[in-house]
Amino acid sequence: MFRAAIFDMDGLLIDSEPLWKRAEREVFGAEGIEIDDAMAAVTATMTTRQVTEHWYGIRPWREKTLEDVEAAVVAKVADLIRAGSTVMPGVRETLGLCAQLGWRVGLASNSPAVLCQLVLHELRIESSFQAVVSADHVESGKPDPAVYLLAARMLGVEPRHCVVFEDSPTGVRAARAAGMGVVAIPSAGQSFDEHARPHLTLDSLHEFDARRASSLWESI
């Protein structure tokens, strides 16, 4: 049976995509790069460092370092999170189910560690998590499985006994590569192909229950 649940963060625990878009438009716009929705979609699954390097490679700026610009984006997102954040539907109920089942709970995100801790604090769910792993803690972020493998080690649970909740193909690929069960709750516009196939796809975390957990374990 599963012994741990590992959650993605952006798009799963919190609807943060609008916050990232706003922050990137403001910060990169100040450096002469006007980002529209199509451009934002290209970098949506990247780490903050990868996003910064991506736009610098297309249109280099001179006055600031890459670290300065990356930090400005992160700081802006943090301000927006503090200004008002709402937990996504079903999150609290699923965390409650994990507690009832005796599962350990972790977070594995491509976002910076400071934002991971901030989101859990602002949503008032930090006490539910025994491990928090960011792309800051590994050499490569998703779709590399490193964040999920590290989260499993921190939880003291073998990867095959972990179930992952994800919203994006990039995250699903990472979790599958880690050898974990994967439940997808797709964000708007997301779809999964043969290279990123979740074991179970739901419309909302509300749909996940003990029966589905047992059936999922038996099917993989």
Protein backbone atom coordinates (compact mmCIF):
# COMPACT_ATOMS: atom_id res chain seq x y z
CA MET A 1 0.00 0.00 0.00
CA PHE A 2 1.05 3.60 -0.38
CA ARG A 3 2.78 5.01 2.67
CA ALA A 4 3.34 8.60 1.55
CA ALA A 5 1.84 11.32 -0.62
CA ILE A 6 3.98 13.94 -2.34
CA PHE A 7 2.35 17.08 -3.69
CA ASP A 8 3.40 19.47 -6.40
CA MET A 9 2.73 23.09 -5.44
CA ASP A 10 2.08 25.55 -8.29
CA GLY A 11 -1.28 24.87 -9.88
CA LEU A 12 -2.10 22.13 -7.38
CA LEU A 13 -2.00 23.67 -3.90
CA ILE A 14 -2.27 27.26 -5.09
CA ASP A 15 -3.37 28.91 -8.33
CA SER A 16 -0.07 30.68 -8.77
CA GLU A 17 0.24 30.86 -12.56
CA PRO A 18 -1.38 34.34 -12.70
CA LEU A 19 1.06 35.51 -10.02
CA TRP A 20 4.09 34.26 -11.94
CA LYS A 21 2.82 35.84 -15.16
CA ARG A 22 2.31 39.20 -13.46
CA ALA A 23 5.71 39.12 -11.76
CA GLU A 24 7.58 38.10 -14.90
CA ARG A 25 5.84 40.71 -17.04
CA GLU A 26 6.72 43.42 -14.55
CA VAL A 27 10.34 42.40 -13.90
CA PHE A 28 11.35 41.36 -17.42
CA GLY A 29 9.35 44.25 -18.86
CA ALA A 30 11.62 46.59 -16.91
CA GLU A 31 14.52 44.99 -18.80
CA GLY A 32 12.86 45.58 -22.17
CA ILE A 33 11.27 42.14 -22.63
CA GLU A 34 7.51 42.30 -23.08
CA ILE A 35 6.07 38.89 -22.23
CA ASP A 36 2.67 37.86 -23.58
CA ASP A 37 0.66 34.73 -22.71
CA ALA A 38 2.25 32.63 -25.43
CA MET A 39 5.74 33.58 -24.27
CA ALA A 40 4.84 32.86 -20.65
CA ALA A 41 3.58 29.40 -21.62
CA VAL A 42 7.01 28.53 -23.03
CA THR A 43 8.67 28.98 -19.63
CA ALA A 44 5.81 27.92 -17.36
CA THR A 45 7.39 24.65 -16.24
CA MET A 46 10.96 25.95 -15.89
CA THR A 47 12.74 26.82 -12.67
CA THR A 48 13.17 30.53 -11.96
CA ARG A 49 16.84 30.31 -12.93
CA GLN A 50 15.97 28.60 -16.23
CA VAL A 51 13.38 31.27 -16.99
CA THR A 52 15.88 34.04 -16.31
CA GLU A 53 18.54 32.40 -18.44
CA HIS A 54 16.02 31.80 -21.22
CA TRP A 55 15.03 35.46 -21.58
CA TYR A 56 18.58 36.68 -21.08
CA GLY A 57 19.68 34.41 -23.92
CA ILE A 58 17.07 35.94 -26.23
CA ARG A 59 17.55 39.57 -25.23
CA PRO A 60 20.47 40.19 -22.85
CA TRP A 61 20.26 43.08 -20.41
CA ARG A 62 23.26 44.98 -19.06
CA GLU A 63 22.51 46.83 -15.86
CA LYS A 64 21.65 43.85 -13.63
CA THR A 65 23.01 40.37 -13.05
CA LEU A 66 20.94 37.27 -13.74
CA GLU A 67 20.80 36.74 -9.98
CA ASP A 68 19.38 40.23 -9.45
CA VAL A 69 16.61 39.72 -11.99
CA GLU A 70 15.76 36.23 -10.74
CA ALA A 71 15.57 37.53 -7.17
CA ALA A 72 13.29 40.37 -8.28
CA VAL A 73 10.85 37.90 -9.85
CA VAL A 74 10.82 35.73 -6.74
CA ALA A 75 10.34 38.75 -4.48
CA LYS A 76 7.41 39.98 -6.57
CA VAL A 77 5.73 36.58 -6.51
CA ALA A 78 6.21 36.47 -2.74
CA ASP A 79 4.56 39.88 -2.38
CA LEU A 80 1.60 38.71 -4.47
CA ILE A 81 1.23 35.53 -2.41
CA ARG A 82 1.22 37.55 0.81
CA ALA A 83 -1.36 39.94 -0.66
CA GLY A 84 -3.89 37.15 -0.89
CA SER A 85 -3.66 33.42 -1.51
CA THR A 86 -6.41 30.81 -1.63
CA VAL A 87 -5.88 27.10 -1.26
CA MET A 88 -7.05 25.07 -4.26
CA PRO A 89 -10.25 22.98 -3.94
CA GLY A 90 -9.82 19.65 -2.22
CA VAL A 91 -6.36 20.31 -0.78
CA ARG A 92 -7.36 20.37 2.88
CA GLU A 93 -9.61 17.35 2.44
CA THR A 94 -6.86 15.34 0.73
CA LEU A 95 -4.36 16.26 3.43
CA GLY A 96 -6.93 15.11 5.98
CA LEU A 97 -7.30 11.81 4.14
CA CYS A 98 -3.53 11.33 4.16
CA ALA A 99 -3.53 11.81 7.92
CA GLN A 100 -6.36 9.30 8.34
CA LEU A 101 -4.49 6.74 6.24
CA GLY A 102 -1.31 7.30 8.25
CA TRP A 103 0.63 8.53 5.23
CA ARG A 104 3.63 10.80 5.50
CA VAL A 105 3.32 13.93 3.35
CA GLY A 106 5.85 15.84 1.30
CA LEU A 107 6.07 18.72 -1.13
CA ALA A 108 8.23 18.64 -4.28
CA SER A 109 8.29 21.78 -6.40
CA ASN A 110 10.30 23.54 -9.10
CA SER A 111 9.71 26.80 -7.24
CA PRO A 112 12.37 28.32 -4.96
CA ALA A 113 12.48 27.01 -1.41
CA VAL A 114 11.52 30.41 0.04
CA LEU A 115 8.27 30.37 -1.93
CA CYS A 116 7.50 26.77 -0.96
CA GLN A 117 7.72 27.66 2.71
CA LEU A 118 5.77 30.87 2.18
CA VAL A 119 2.90 29.16 0.37
CA LEU A 120 2.52 26.49 3.05
CA HIS A 121 2.54 29.19 5.72
CA GLU A 122 0.08 31.48 3.97
CA LEU A 123 -2.30 28.59 3.24
CA ARG A 124 -1.91 27.44 6.87
CA ILE A 125 -1.10 23.86 5.91
CA GLU A 126 2.60 23.70 6.83
CA SER A 127 1.95 21.36 9.78
CA SER A 128 0.70 18.70 7.36
CA PHE A 129 4.07 18.36 5.61
CA GLN A 130 6.99 16.35 6.93
CA ALA A 131 9.29 17.16 3.98
CA VAL A 132 9.59 20.14 1.65
CA VAL A 133 11.83 19.86 -1.40
CA SER A 134 12.54 22.60 -3.92
CA ALA A 135 14.49 22.67 -7.15
CA ASP A 136 16.98 24.65 -5.03
CA HIS A 137 17.85 21.39 -3.28
CA VAL A 138 18.78 19.33 -6.35
CA GLU A 139 20.95 19.69 -9.41
CA SER A 140 18.05 19.58 -11.89
CA GLY A 141 14.37 20.38 -11.47
CA LYS A 142 11.43 18.57 -13.05
CA PRO A 143 11.14 16.69 -15.40
CA ASP A 144 14.22 15.23 -13.73
CA PRO A 145 12.95 12.95 -10.92
CA ALA A 146 15.47 14.28 -8.36
CA VAL A 147 13.00 16.38 -6.35
CA TYR A 148 10.67 13.43 -5.92
CA LEU A 149 13.42 10.99 -5.05
CA LEU A 150 14.82 13.39 -2.45
CA ALA A 151 11.35 13.92 -0.97
CA ALA A 152 10.90 10.15 -0.63
CA ARG A 153 14.27 9.83 1.11
CA MET A 154 13.40 12.64 3.50
CA LEU A 155 10.08 10.96 4.28
CA GLY A 156 11.80 7.61 4.80
CA VAL A 157 9.56 5.89 2.25
CA GLU A 158 10.55 3.88 -0.82
CA PRO A 159 9.54 5.56 -4.11
CA ARG A 160 7.17 2.72 -5.10
CA HIS A 161 5.20 3.36 -1.90
CA CYS A 162 4.68 7.04 -2.77
CA VAL A 163 1.75 8.54 -4.62
CA VAL A 164 2.30 11.90 -6.31
CA PHE A 165 -0.29 14.58 -7.04
CA GLU A 166 0.55 16.68 -10.09
CA ASP A 167 -1.07 19.12 -12.50
CA SER A 168 1.41 19.27 -15.41
CA PRO A 169 3.01 16.87 -17.92
CA THR A 170 6.46 17.95 -16.75
CA GLY A 171 5.67 16.96 -13.19
CA VAL A 172 4.04 13.70 -14.25
CA ARG A 173 7.15 12.74 -16.20
CA ALA A 174 9.30 13.45 -13.15
CA ALA A 175 7.12 11.38 -10.83
CA ARG A 176 6.87 8.46 -13.27
CA ALA A 177 10.66 8.52 -13.71
CA ALA A 178 10.97 8.32 -9.92
CA GLY A 179 8.93 5.10 -9.95
CA MET A 180 5.94 6.54 -8.10
CA GLY A 181 2.21 6.32 -8.57
CA VAL A 182 0.85 9.48 -10.18
CA VAL A 183 -2.51 11.18 -9.82
CA ALA A 184 -3.03 14.11 -12.19
CA ILE A 185 -5.41 17.00 -11.64
CA PRO A 186 -4.71 18.89 -14.86
CA SER A 187 -4.47 22.66 -14.83
CA ALA A 188 -6.38 24.50 -17.55
CA GLY A 189 -5.01 23.70 -20.99
CA GLN A 190 -2.85 20.81 -19.80
CA SER A 191 -3.00 17.39 -21.45
CA PHE A 192 -0.93 14.24 -21.13
CA ASP A 193 0.64 12.17 -23.89
CA GLU A 194 2.38 8.78 -23.93
CA HIS A 195 5.53 10.38 -22.51
CA ALA A 196 3.71 11.79 -19.49
CA ARG A 197 0.91 9.40 -18.68
CA PRO A 198 -0.49 9.57 -15.12
CA HIS A 199 -1.86 6.41 -13.54
CA LEU A 200 -5.06 8.25 -12.64
CA THR A 201 -6.55 11.53 -13.86
CA LEU A 202 -9.18 13.38 -11.83
CA ASP A 203 -11.01 16.66 -12.28
CA SER A 204 -10.39 17.70 -8.69
CA LEU A 205 -8.59 16.56 -5.56
CA HIS A 206 -12.09 16.19 -4.06
CA GLU A 207 -12.45 12.99 -6.10
CA PHE A 208 -9.52 11.24 -4.44
CA ASP A 209 -10.53 8.98 -1.55
CA ALA A 210 -9.44 5.81 0.23
CA ARG A 211 -11.16 3.60 -2.35
CA ARG A 212 -9.32 5.27 -5.22
CA ALA A 213 -6.06 5.03 -3.30
CA SER A 214 -6.51 1.28 -2.84
CA SER A 215 -7.52 0.74 -6.47
CA LEU A 216 -4.57 2.77 -7.70
CA TRP A 217 -2.12 0.75 -5.61
CA GLU A 218 -3.53 -2.51 -6.95
CA SER A 219 -3.35 -1.31 -10.57
CA ILE A 220 0.34 -0.37 -10.71
